[in-house]
Protein backbone atom coordinates (compact mmCIF):
# COMPACT_ATOMS: atom_id res chain seq x y z
CA SER A 1 0.55 1.64 12.51
CA PHE A 2 2.50 1.35 9.63
CA LYS A 3 5.43 1.59 11.17
CA GLU A 4 5.29 -0.96 13.49
CA MET A 5 3.59 -2.78 10.77
CA VAL A 6 7.10 -2.59 8.84
CA ALA A 7 8.89 -2.85 11.65
CA MET A 8 8.10 -6.94 12.41
CA CYS A 9 8.47 -7.28 8.94
CA LEU A 10 12.14 -5.78 8.96
CA VAL A 11 13.14 -8.27 12.46
CA LYS A 12 16.40 -9.98 11.44
CA ASP A 13 16.17 -12.90 13.07
CA GLN A 14 13.46 -15.05 11.05
CA SER A 15 12.60 -17.11 13.96
CA LYS A 16 11.37 -13.78 15.71
CA ARG A 17 9.31 -12.64 12.59
CA PRO A 18 5.79 -13.08 12.19
CA THR A 19 4.62 -15.60 10.43
CA ALA A 20 3.21 -13.39 7.14
CA GLU A 21 -0.32 -15.06 8.08
CA LYS A 22 0.27 -13.10 11.23
CA LEU A 23 0.94 -10.02 9.54
CA LEU A 24 -2.23 -9.83 8.01
CA LYS A 25 -3.98 -10.05 11.02
CA HIS A 26 -2.44 -6.51 12.06
CA SER A 27 -4.18 -3.75 12.37
CA PHE A 28 -2.49 -2.33 9.14
CA PHE A 29 -4.27 -4.91 6.84
CA LYS A 30 -7.58 -5.01 8.80
CA ASN A 31 -7.87 -1.03 8.23
CA ALA A 32 -7.11 -0.67 5.28
CA LYS A 33 -9.12 -0.08 1.99
CA PRO A 34 -9.64 -1.78 -1.04
CA PRO A 35 -6.89 -0.81 -3.54
CA GLU A 36 -9.80 0.55 -5.82
CA SER A 37 -10.65 3.33 -3.88
CA THR A 38 -6.82 4.41 -3.14
CA LEU A 39 -6.17 3.87 -7.07
CA LYS A 40 -9.18 6.55 -7.80
CA LYS A 41 -8.19 8.78 -5.61
CA LEU A 42 -5.21 9.01 -7.20
CA LEU A 43 -6.47 8.78 -10.53
CA VAL A 44 -9.38 11.23 -10.04
CA ASP A 45 -7.35 14.41 -10.79
CA LEU A 46 -5.45 13.31 -13.63
CA PRO A 47 -6.04 15.24 -17.24
CA PRO A 48 -7.28 12.47 -20.03
CA LEU A 49 -4.98 10.49 -20.69
CA TRP A 50 -4.44 11.70 -24.35
CA ASP A 51 -3.84 15.39 -22.62
CA ARG A 52 -0.80 14.58 -20.99
CA VAL A 53 0.10 12.61 -24.21
CA LYS A 54 0.10 16.01 -25.87
CA ALA A 55 1.65 17.74 -23.62
CA LEU A 56 4.20 14.93 -24.06
CA GLN A 57 4.79 15.93 -27.27
């Protein structure tokens, strides 16, 4: 889970903290969707840029 992965990253004792390589093998990253799909979901409902600029003026 996300919380588990964050907890692993925040271990204060460096010798007990997992390496970046080990963290990247965590299920959180293994099951993560590509950033492109997440970005598309965020942007799909935004009005066109020109409309947003007009609204600010």
